[in-house]
Amino acid sequence: MPSPAIVYEHPCDGPDPYYPVPRPENAALYARYRALAEQTARVHFVGRLATYRYYNMDQVVAQALTTYARITGTKAESNGRGKAARLAPATSGA
């Protein structure tokens, strides 16, 4: 029986949040990391800090489910609003 996932986020150390800061040097650093990751098997970037972009948490969860589905060959099902809501086994007709 599937069970829900509960995620808590505490992206800070003291009063300053750990959110990506959109600066050219951060974009350049991300491009270097991404290029390295593309050459390295089984490395996938998901989420705010991993992609140097701000996302709402529903977007991060959808991104994680979609990435997982791509890696495992399963299918991420939509919740009807264009966002991945859960994973289903991939079918041969899909």
PDB file of N, CA and C in Angstrom:
ATOM      1  N   MET A   1       0.849  -1.177   0.000  1.00  0.00           N
ATOM      2  CA  MET A   1       0.000   0.000   0.000  1.00  0.00           C
ATOM      3  C   MET A   1       0.894   1.240   0.000  1.00  0.00           C
ATOM      4  N   PRO A   2       0.677   2.150  -0.951  1.00  0.00           N
ATOM      5  CA  PRO A   2       1.496   3.369  -0.983  1.00  0.00           C
ATOM      6  C   PRO A   2       1.266   4.225   0.262  1.00  0.00           C
ATOM      7  N   SER A   3       2.296   4.888   0.672  1.00  0.00           N
ATOM      8  CA  SER A   3       2.160   5.800   1.806  1.00  0.00           C
ATOM      9  C   SER A   3       2.654   7.175   1.391  1.00  0.00           C
ATOM     10  N   PRO A   4       2.110   8.213   1.992  1.00  0.00           N
ATOM     11  CA  PRO A   4       2.521   9.571   1.611  1.00  0.00           C
ATOM     12  C   PRO A   4       3.933   9.876   2.085  1.00  0.00           C
ATOM     13  N   ALA A   5       4.566  10.779   1.394  1.00  0.00           N
ATOM     14  CA  ALA A   5       5.881  11.264   1.807  1.00  0.00           C
ATOM     15  C   ALA A   5       5.684  12.598   2.505  1.00  0.00           C
ATOM     16  N   ILE A   6       6.309  12.755   3.642  1.00  0.00           N
ATOM     17  CA  ILE A   6       6.251  14.009   4.378  1.00  0.00           C
ATOM     18  C   ILE A   6       7.661  14.582   4.387  1.00  0.00           C
ATOM     19  N   VAL A   7       7.785  15.797   3.899  1.00  0.00           N
ATOM     20  CA  VAL A   7       9.091  16.424   3.775  1.00  0.00           C
ATOM     21  C   VAL A   7       9.102  17.717   4.574  1.00  0.00           C
ATOM     22  N   TYR A   8      10.125  17.903   5.360  1.00  0.00           N
ATOM     23  CA  TYR A   8      10.310  19.144   6.097  1.00  0.00           C
ATOM     24  C   TYR A   8      11.569  19.808   5.581  1.00  0.00           C
ATOM     25  N   GLU A   9      11.506  21.100   5.427  1.00  0.00           N
ATOM     26  CA  GLU A   9      12.659  21.832   4.920  1.00  0.00           C
ATOM     27  C   GLU A   9      13.057  22.889   5.935  1.00  0.00           C
ATOM     28  N   HIS A  10      14.327  22.929   6.245  1.00  0.00           N
ATOM     29  CA  HIS A  10      14.881  23.939   7.143  1.00  0.00           C
ATOM     30  C   HIS A  10      16.117  24.533   6.463  1.00  0.00           C
ATOM     31  N   PRO A  11      15.901  25.320   5.413  1.00  0.00           N
ATOM     32  CA  PRO A  11      17.027  25.796   4.614  1.00  0.00           C
ATOM     33  C   PRO A  11      17.681  27.046   5.192  1.00  0.00           C
ATOM     34  N   CYS A  12      18.250  26.921   6.375  1.00  0.00           N
ATOM     35  CA  CYS A  12      18.919  28.090   6.937  1.00  0.00           C
ATOM     36  C   CYS A  12      19.905  27.665   8.015  1.00  0.00           C
ATOM     37  N   ASP A  13      20.778  28.587   8.296  1.00  0.00           N
ATOM     38  CA  ASP A  13      21.723  28.445   9.395  1.00  0.00           C
ATOM     39  C   ASP A  13      21.700  29.785  10.106  1.00  0.00           C
ATOM     40  N   GLY A  14      20.865  29.891  11.111  1.00  0.00           N
ATOM     41  CA  GLY A  14      20.655  31.192  11.733  1.00  0.00           C
ATOM     42  C   GLY A  14      19.590  31.945  10.969  1.00  0.00           C
ATOM     43  N   PRO A  15      19.705  33.243  10.898  1.00  0.00           N
ATOM     44  CA  PRO A  15      18.640  34.029  10.270  1.00  0.00           C
ATOM     45  C   PRO A  15      18.700  34.056   8.742  1.00  0.00           C
ATOM     46  N   ASP A  16      19.813  33.646   8.140  1.00  0.00           N
ATOM     47  CA  ASP A  16      19.952  33.737   6.684  1.00  0.00           C
ATOM     48  C   ASP A  16      19.535  32.436   6.011  1.00  0.00           C
ATOM     49  N   PRO A  17      18.563  32.496   5.083  1.00  0.00           N
ATOM     50  CA  PRO A  17      18.124  31.277   4.405  1.00  0.00           C
ATOM     51  C   PRO A  17      19.151  30.813   3.370  1.00  0.00           C
ATOM     52  N   TYR A  18      19.174  29.513   3.136  1.00  0.00           N
ATOM     53  CA  TYR A  18      20.022  28.939   2.091  1.00  0.00           C
ATOM     54  C   TYR A  18      19.234  28.895   0.789  1.00  0.00           C
ATOM     55  N   TYR A  19      19.058  30.010   0.173  1.00  0.00           N
ATOM     56  CA  TYR A  19      18.412  30.056  -1.120  1.00  0.00           C
ATOM     57  C   TYR A  19      19.444  30.469  -2.151  1.00  0.00           C
ATOM     58  N   PRO A  20      19.264  30.029  -3.387  1.00  0.00           N
ATOM     59  CA  PRO A  20      20.213  30.443  -4.411  1.00  0.00           C
ATOM     60  C   PRO A  20      20.158  31.950  -4.631  1.00  0.00           C
ATOM     61  N   VAL A  21      21.298  32.536  -4.781  1.00  0.00           N
ATOM     62  CA  VAL A  21      21.391  33.976  -5.026  1.00  0.00           C
ATOM     63  C   VAL A  21      21.702  34.153  -6.515  1.00  0.00           C
ATOM     64  N   PRO A  22      20.780  34.777  -7.278  1.00  0.00           N
ATOM     65  CA  PRO A  22      20.990  34.901  -8.723  1.00  0.00           C
ATOM     66  C   PRO A  22      22.064  35.929  -9.070  1.00  0.00           C
ATOM     67  N   ARG A  23      23.270  35.452  -9.193  1.00  0.00           N
ATOM     68  CA  ARG A  23      24.396  36.295  -9.593  1.00  0.00           C
ATOM     69  C   ARG A  23      25.129  35.612 -10.740  1.00  0.00           C
ATOM     70  N   PRO A  24      25.770  36.372 -11.607  1.00  0.00           N
ATOM     71  CA  PRO A  24      26.487  35.763 -12.740  1.00  0.00           C
ATOM     72  C   PRO A  24      27.522  34.723 -12.307  1.00  0.00           C
ATOM     73  N   GLU A  25      28.222  34.991 -11.203  1.00  0.00           N
ATOM     74  CA  GLU A  25      29.247  34.022 -10.777  1.00  0.00           C
ATOM     75  C   GLU A  25      28.614  32.715 -10.292  1.00  0.00           C
ATOM     76  N   ASN A  26      27.406  32.776  -9.725  1.00  0.00           N
ATOM     77  CA  ASN A  26      26.721  31.553  -9.321  1.00  0.00           C
ATOM     78  C   ASN A  26      26.224  30.775 -10.536  1.00  0.00           C
ATOM     79  N   ALA A  27      25.743  31.478 -11.549  1.00  0.00           N
ATOM     80  CA  ALA A  27      25.304  30.827 -12.780  1.00  0.00           C
ATOM     81  C   ALA A  27      26.485  30.144 -13.471  1.00  0.00           C
ATOM     82  N   ALA A  28      27.633  30.793 -13.469  1.00  0.00           N
ATOM     83  CA  ALA A  28      28.829  30.206 -14.076  1.00  0.00           C
ATOM     84  C   ALA A  28      29.281  28.970 -13.308  1.00  0.00           C
ATOM     85  N   LEU A  29      29.242  29.037 -11.983  1.00  0.00           N
ATOM     86  CA  LEU A  29      29.612  27.892 -11.157  1.00  0.00           C
ATOM     87  C   LEU A  29      28.660  26.728 -11.397  1.00  0.00           C
ATOM     88  N   TYR A  30      27.364  27.014 -11.467  1.00  0.00           N
ATOM     89  CA  TYR A  30      26.384  25.961 -11.751  1.00  0.00           C
ATOM     90  C   TYR A  30      26.663  25.327 -13.105  1.00  0.00           C
ATOM     91  N   ALA A  31      26.972  26.116 -14.112  1.00  0.00           N
ATOM     92  CA  ALA A  31      27.261  25.573 -15.444  1.00  0.00           C
ATOM     93  C   ALA A  31      28.445  24.613 -15.392  1.00  0.00           C
ATOM     94  N   ARG A  32      29.453  24.940 -14.590  1.00  0.00           N
ATOM     95  CA  ARG A  32      30.606  24.047 -14.438  1.00  0.00           C
ATOM     96  C   ARG A  32      30.202  22.750 -13.751  1.00  0.00           C
ATOM     97  N   TYR A  33      29.415  22.854 -12.676  1.00  0.00           N
ATOM     98  CA  TYR A  33      28.940  21.656 -11.973  1.00  0.00           C
ATOM     99  C   TYR A  33      28.079  20.785 -12.885  1.00  0.00           C
ATOM    100  N   ARG A  34      27.186  21.421 -13.627  1.00  0.00           N
ATOM    101  CA  ARG A  34      26.302  20.665 -14.516  1.00  0.00           C
ATOM    102  C   ARG A  34      27.093  19.938 -15.588  1.00  0.00           C
ATOM    103  N   ALA A  35      28.076  20.609 -16.183  1.00  0.00           N
ATOM    104  CA  ALA A  35      28.907  19.965 -17.201  1.00  0.00           C
ATOM    105  C   ALA A  35      29.638  18.753 -16.621  1.00  0.00           C
ATOM    106  N   LEU A  36      30.151  18.897 -15.408  1.00  0.00           N
ATOM    107  CA  LEU A  36      30.827  17.786 -14.752  1.00  0.00           C
ATOM    108  C   LEU A  36      29.840  16.654 -14.457  1.00  0.00           C
ATOM    109  N   ALA A  37      28.658  16.983 -13.998  1.00  0.00           N
ATOM    110  CA  ALA A  37      27.644  15.975 -13.687  1.00  0.00           C
ATOM    111  C   ALA A  37      27.214  15.214 -14.931  1.00  0.00           C
ATOM    112  N   GLU A  38      27.130  15.896 -16.066  1.00  0.00           N
ATOM    113  CA  GLU A  38      26.730  15.237 -17.306  1.00  0.00           C
ATOM    114  C   GLU A  38      27.768  14.211 -17.757  1.00  0.00           C
ATOM    115  N   GLN A  39      28.996  14.357 -17.308  1.00  0.00           N
ATOM    116  CA  GLN A  39      30.062  13.412 -17.651  1.00  0.00           C
ATOM    117  C   GLN A  39      30.206  12.314 -16.599  1.00  0.00           C
ATOM    118  N   THR A  40      29.435  12.394 -15.530  1.00  0.00           N
ATOM    119  CA  THR A  40      29.546  11.461 -14.418  1.00  0.00           C
ATOM    120  C   THR A  40      28.271  10.641 -14.306  1.00  0.00           C
ATOM    121  N   ALA A  41      28.410   9.333 -14.356  1.00  0.00           N
ATOM    122  CA  ALA A  41      27.244   8.453 -14.275  1.00  0.00           C
ATOM    123  C   ALA A  41      26.563   8.589 -12.917  1.00  0.00           C
ATOM    124  N   ARG A  42      25.236   8.509 -12.942  1.00  0.00           N
ATOM    125  CA  ARG A  42      24.399   8.461 -11.740  1.00  0.00           C
ATOM    126  C   ARG A  42      24.474   9.714 -10.879  1.00  0.00           C
ATOM    127  N   VAL A  43      24.717  10.871 -11.487  1.00  0.00           N
ATOM    128  CA  VAL A  43      24.667  12.146 -10.764  1.00  0.00           C
ATOM    129  C   VAL A  43      23.528  12.956 -11.360  1.00  0.00           C
ATOM    130  N   HIS A  44      22.609  13.376 -10.512  1.00  0.00           N
ATOM    131  CA  HIS A  44      21.434  14.128 -10.955  1.00  0.00           C
ATOM    132  C   HIS A  44      21.219  15.287 -10.001  1.00  0.00           C
ATOM    133  N   PHE A  45      20.996  16.466 -10.533  1.00  0.00           N
ATOM    134  CA  PHE A  45      20.736  17.646  -9.718  1.00  0.00           C
ATOM    135  C   PHE A  45      19.232  17.866  -9.639  1.00  0.00           C
ATOM    136  N   VAL A  46      18.713  18.005  -8.414  1.00  0.00           N
ATOM    137  CA  VAL A  46      17.290  18.245  -8.204  1.00  0.00           C
ATOM    138  C   VAL A  46      17.144  19.249  -7.072  1.00  0.00           C
ATOM    139  N   GLY A  47      16.289  20.238  -7.264  1.00  0.00           N
ATOM    140  CA  GLY A  47      15.977  21.159  -6.187  1.00  0.00           C
ATOM    141  C   GLY A  47      16.612  22.524  -6.336  1.00  0.00           C
ATOM    142  N   ARG A  48      16.343  23.343  -5.343  1.00  0.00           N
ATOM    143  CA  ARG A  48      16.752  24.748  -5.371  1.00  0.00           C
ATOM    144  C   ARG A  48      18.260  24.929  -5.448  1.00  0.00           C
ATOM    145  N   LEU A  49      18.946  24.448  -4.447  1.00  0.00           N
ATOM    146  CA  LEU A  49      20.384  24.681  -4.409  1.00  0.00           C
ATOM    147  C   LEU A  49      21.111  23.864  -5.460  1.00  0.00           C
ATOM    148  N   ALA A  50      20.587  22.704  -5.788  1.00  0.00           N
ATOM    149  CA  ALA A  50      21.242  21.853  -6.781  1.00  0.00           C
ATOM    150  C   ALA A  50      21.189  22.451  -8.179  1.00  0.00           C
ATOM    151  N   THR A  51      20.191  23.284  -8.454  1.00  0.00           N
ATOM    152  CA  THR A  51      20.050  23.874  -9.785  1.00  0.00           C
ATOM    153  C   THR A  51      20.239  25.383  -9.795  1.00  0.00           C
ATOM    154  N   TYR A  52      20.550  25.960  -8.636  1.00  0.00           N
ATOM    155  CA  TYR A  52      20.755  27.414  -8.503  1.00  0.00           C
ATOM    156  C   TYR A  52      19.555  28.204  -9.006  1.00  0.00           C
ATOM    157  N   ARG A  53      18.344  27.702  -8.689  1.00  0.00           N
ATOM    158  CA  ARG A  53      17.115  28.402  -9.052  1.00  0.00           C
ATOM    159  C   ARG A  53      16.159  28.331  -7.877  1.00  0.00           C
ATOM    160  N   TYR A  54      15.293  29.314  -7.777  1.00  0.00           N
ATOM    161  CA  TYR A  54      14.277  29.270  -6.734  1.00  0.00           C
ATOM    162  C   TYR A  54      13.066  28.535  -7.276  1.00  0.00           C
ATOM    163  N   TYR A  55      12.600  27.550  -6.545  1.00  0.00           N
ATOM    164  CA  TYR A  55      11.383  26.821  -6.875  1.00  0.00           C
ATOM    165  C   TYR A  55      10.497  26.789  -5.641  1.00  0.00           C
ATOM    166  N   ASN A  56       9.183  26.727  -5.847  1.00  0.00           N
ATOM    167  CA  ASN A  56       8.268  26.410  -4.759  1.00  0.00           C
ATOM    168  C   ASN A  56       8.447  24.932  -4.441  1.00  0.00           C
ATOM    169  N   MET A  57       8.086  24.522  -3.236  1.00  0.00           N
ATOM    170  CA  MET A  57       8.327  23.137  -2.837  1.00  0.00           C
ATOM    171  C   MET A  57       7.533  22.145  -3.683  1.00  0.00           C
ATOM    172  N   ASP A  58       6.336  22.504  -4.162  1.00  0.00           N
ATOM    173  CA  ASP A  58       5.607  21.573  -5.024  1.00  0.00           C
ATOM    174  C   ASP A  58       6.371  21.350  -6.328  1.00  0.00           C
ATOM    175  N   GLN A  59       7.064  22.378  -6.801  1.00  0.00           N
ATOM    176  CA  GLN A  59       7.869  22.236  -8.004  1.00  0.00           C
ATOM    177  C   GLN A  59       9.089  21.345  -7.749  1.00  0.00           C
ATOM    178  N   VAL A  60       9.688  21.469  -6.571  1.00  0.00           N
ATOM    179  CA  VAL A  60      10.843  20.641  -6.230  1.00  0.00           C
ATOM    180  C   VAL A  60      10.435  19.178  -6.136  1.00  0.00           C
ATOM    181  N   VAL A  61       9.300  18.906  -5.494  1.00  0.00           N
ATOM    182  CA  VAL A  61       8.831  17.524  -5.377  1.00  0.00           C
ATOM    183  C   VAL A  61       8.511  16.965  -6.761  1.00  0.00           C
ATOM    184  N   ALA A  62       7.846  17.747  -7.603  1.00  0.00           N
ATOM    185  CA  ALA A  62       7.547  17.297  -8.964  1.00  0.00           C
ATOM    186  C   ALA A  62       8.834  17.031  -9.738  1.00  0.00           C
ATOM    187  N   GLN A  63       9.828  17.885  -9.580  1.00  0.00           N
ATOM    188  CA  GLN A  63      11.110  17.702 -10.250  1.00  0.00           C
ATOM    189  C   GLN A  63      11.780  16.412  -9.771  1.00  0.00           C
ATOM    190  N   ALA A  64      11.725  16.153  -8.470  1.00  0.00           N
ATOM    191  CA  ALA A  64      12.319  14.934  -7.919  1.00  0.00           C
ATOM    192  C   ALA A  64      11.597  13.694  -8.439  1.00  0.00           C
ATOM    193  N   LEU A  65      10.266  13.719  -8.452  1.00  0.00           N
ATOM    194  CA  LEU A  65       9.505  12.570  -8.952  1.00  0.00           C
ATOM    195  C   LEU A  65       9.776  12.327 -10.430  1.00  0.00           C
ATOM    196  N   THR A  66       9.840  13.386 -11.206  1.00  0.00           N
ATOM    197  CA  THR A  66      10.110  13.260 -12.636  1.00  0.00           C
ATOM    198  C   THR A  66      11.507  12.713 -12.879  1.00  0.00           C
ATOM    199  N   THR A  67      12.483  13.196 -12.128  1.00  0.00           N
ATOM    200  CA  THR A  67      13.850  12.705 -12.264  1.00  0.00           C
ATOM    201  C   THR A  67      13.927  11.234 -11.884  1.00  0.00           C
ATOM    202  N   TYR A  68      13.292  10.869 -10.778  1.00  0.00           N
ATOM    203  CA  TYR A  68      13.278   9.477 -10.348  1.00  0.00           C
ATOM    204  C   TYR A  68      12.619   8.588 -11.405  1.00  0.00           C
ATOM    205  N   ALA A  69      11.513   9.055 -11.958  1.00  0.00           N
ATOM    206  CA  ALA A  69      10.822   8.283 -12.995  1.00  0.00           C
ATOM    207  C   ALA A  69      11.726   8.077 -14.204  1.00  0.00           C
ATOM    208  N   ARG A  70      12.452   9.112 -14.591  1.00  0.00           N
ATOM    209  CA  ARG A  70      13.369   9.005 -15.729  1.00  0.00           C
ATOM    210  C   ARG A  70      14.483   8.001 -15.438  1.00  0.00           C
ATOM    211  N   ILE A  71      15.009   8.030 -14.228  1.00  0.00           N
ATOM    212  CA  ILE A  71      16.109   7.140 -13.856  1.00  0.00           C
ATOM    213  C   ILE A  71      15.647   5.681 -13.805  1.00  0.00           C
ATOM    214  N   THR A  72      14.464   5.451 -13.239  1.00  0.00           N
ATOM    215  CA  THR A  72      13.994   4.084 -13.005  1.00  0.00           C
ATOM    216  C   THR A  72      13.137   3.522 -14.128  1.00  0.00           C
ATOM    217  N   GLY A  73      12.732   4.365 -15.066  1.00  0.00           N
ATOM    218  CA  GLY A  73      11.882   3.894 -16.147  1.00  0.00           C
ATOM    219  C   GLY A  73      10.425   3.773 -15.755  1.00  0.00           C
ATOM    220  N   THR A  74      10.042   4.392 -14.640  1.00  0.00           N
ATOM    221  CA  THR A  74       8.640   4.422 -14.253  1.00  0.00           C
ATOM    222  C   THR A  74       8.010   5.668 -14.852  1.00  0.00           C
ATOM    223  N   LYS A  75       6.747   5.856 -14.583  1.00  0.00           N
ATOM    224  CA  LYS A  75       6.024   6.998 -15.149  1.00  0.00           C
ATOM    225  C   LYS A  75       5.508   7.880 -14.025  1.00  0.00           C
ATOM    226  N   ALA A  76       5.823   9.160 -14.067  1.00  0.00           N
ATOM    227  CA  ALA A  76       5.303  10.113 -13.085  1.00  0.00           C
ATOM    228  C   ALA A  76       3.911  10.534 -13.535  1.00  0.00           C
ATOM    229  N   GLU A  77       2.905  10.282 -12.701  1.00  0.00           N
ATOM    230  CA  GLU A  77       1.533  10.639 -13.046  1.00  0.00           C
ATOM    231  C   GLU A  77       1.242  12.070 -12.628  1.00  0.00           C
ATOM    232  N   SER A  78       0.478  12.762 -13.450  1.00  0.00           N
ATOM    233  CA  SER A  78       0.117  14.147 -13.180  1.00  0.00           C
ATOM    234  C   SER A  78      -1.023  14.218 -12.175  1.00  0.00           C
ATOM    235  N   ASN A  79      -1.062  15.307 -11.439  1.00  0.00           N
ATOM    236  CA  ASN A  79      -2.161  15.535 -10.503  1.00  0.00           C
ATOM    237  C   ASN A  79      -3.292  16.311 -11.172  1.00  0.00           C
ATOM    238  N   GLY A  80      -3.233  16.480 -12.489  1.00  0.00           N
ATOM    239  CA  GLY A  80      -4.269  17.204 -13.207  1.00  0.00           C
ATOM    240  C   GLY A  80      -3.964  18.681 -13.358  1.00  0.00           C
ATOM    241  N   ARG A  81      -2.916  19.157 -12.695  1.00  0.00           N
ATOM    242  CA  ARG A  81      -2.521  20.563 -12.802  1.00  0.00           C
ATOM    243  C   ARG A  81      -1.157  20.691 -13.450  1.00  0.00           C
ATOM    244  N   GLY A  82      -0.732  19.625 -14.161  1.00  0.00           N
ATOM    245  CA  GLY A  82       0.528  19.674 -14.864  1.00  0.00           C
ATOM    246  C   GLY A  82       1.739  19.391 -13.992  1.00  0.00           C
ATOM    247  N   LYS A  83       1.508  18.861 -12.775  1.00  0.00           N
ATOM    248  CA  LYS A  83       2.622  18.573 -11.878  1.00  0.00           C
ATOM    249  C   LYS A  83       2.609  17.101 -11.523  1.00  0.00           C
ATOM    250  N   ALA A  84       3.792  16.511 -11.422  1.00  0.00           N
ATOM    251  CA  ALA A  84       3.880  15.108 -11.046  1.00  0.00           C
ATOM    252  C   ALA A  84       3.341  14.936  -9.636  1.00  0.00           C
ATOM    253  N   ALA A  85       2.448  13.984  -9.461  1.00  0.00           N
ATOM    254  CA  ALA A  85       1.840  13.757  -8.152  1.00  0.00           C
ATOM    255  C   ALA A  85       2.290  12.444  -7.525  1.00  0.00           C
ATOM    256  N   ARG A  86       2.534  11.429  -8.344  1.00  0.00           N
ATOM    257  CA  ARG A  86       2.993  10.151  -7.831  1.00  0.00           C
ATOM    258  C   ARG A  86       3.594   9.360  -8.969  1.00  0.00           C
ATOM    259  N   LEU A  87       4.217   8.247  -8.639  1.00  0.00           N
ATOM    260  CA  LEU A  87       4.836   7.407  -9.645  1.00  0.00           C
ATOM    261  C   LEU A  87       3.981   6.186  -9.883  1.00  0.00           C
ATOM    262  N   ALA A  88       3.919   5.755 -11.123  1.00  0.00           N
ATOM    263  CA  ALA A  88       3.210   4.542 -11.487  1.00  0.00           C
ATOM    264  C   ALA A  88       4.150   3.706 -12.340  1.00  0.00           C
ATOM    265  N   PRO A  89       3.981   2.382 -12.330  1.00  0.00           N
ATOM    266  CA  PRO A  89       4.838   1.570 -13.198  1.00  0.00           C
ATOM    267  C   PRO A  89       4.649   1.968 -14.650  1.00  0.00           C
ATOM    268  N   ALA A  90       5.738   2.006 -15.378  1.00  0.00           N
ATOM    269  CA  ALA A  90       5.669   2.334 -16.800  1.00  0.00           C
ATOM    270  C   ALA A  90       4.996   1.166 -17.525  1.00  0.00           C
ATOM    271  N   THR A  91       4.169   1.481 -18.501  1.00  0.00           N
ATOM    272  CA  THR A  91       3.531   0.436 -19.296  1.00  0.00           C
ATOM    273  C   THR A  91       4.181   0.397 -20.655  1.00  0.00           C
ATOM    274  N   SER A  92       4.087  -0.744 -21.316  1.00  0.00           N
ATOM    275  CA  SER A  92       4.728  -0.880 -22.619  1.00  0.00           C
ATOM    276  C   SER A  92       4.072  -0.005 -23.665  1.00  0.00           C
ATOM    277  N   GLY A  93       2.824   0.396 -23.452  1.00  0.00           N
ATOM    278  CA  GLY A  93       2.132   1.244 -24.415  1.00  0.00           C
ATOM    279  C   GLY A  93       2.358   2.716 -24.208  1.00  0.00           C
ATOM    280  N   ALA A  94       3.117   3.098 -23.176  1.00  0.00           N
ATOM    281  CA  ALA A  94       3.317   4.515 -22.863  1.00  0.00           C
ATOM    282  C   ALA A  94       4.417   5.114 -23.670  1.00  0.00           C
TER     283      ALA A  94
END
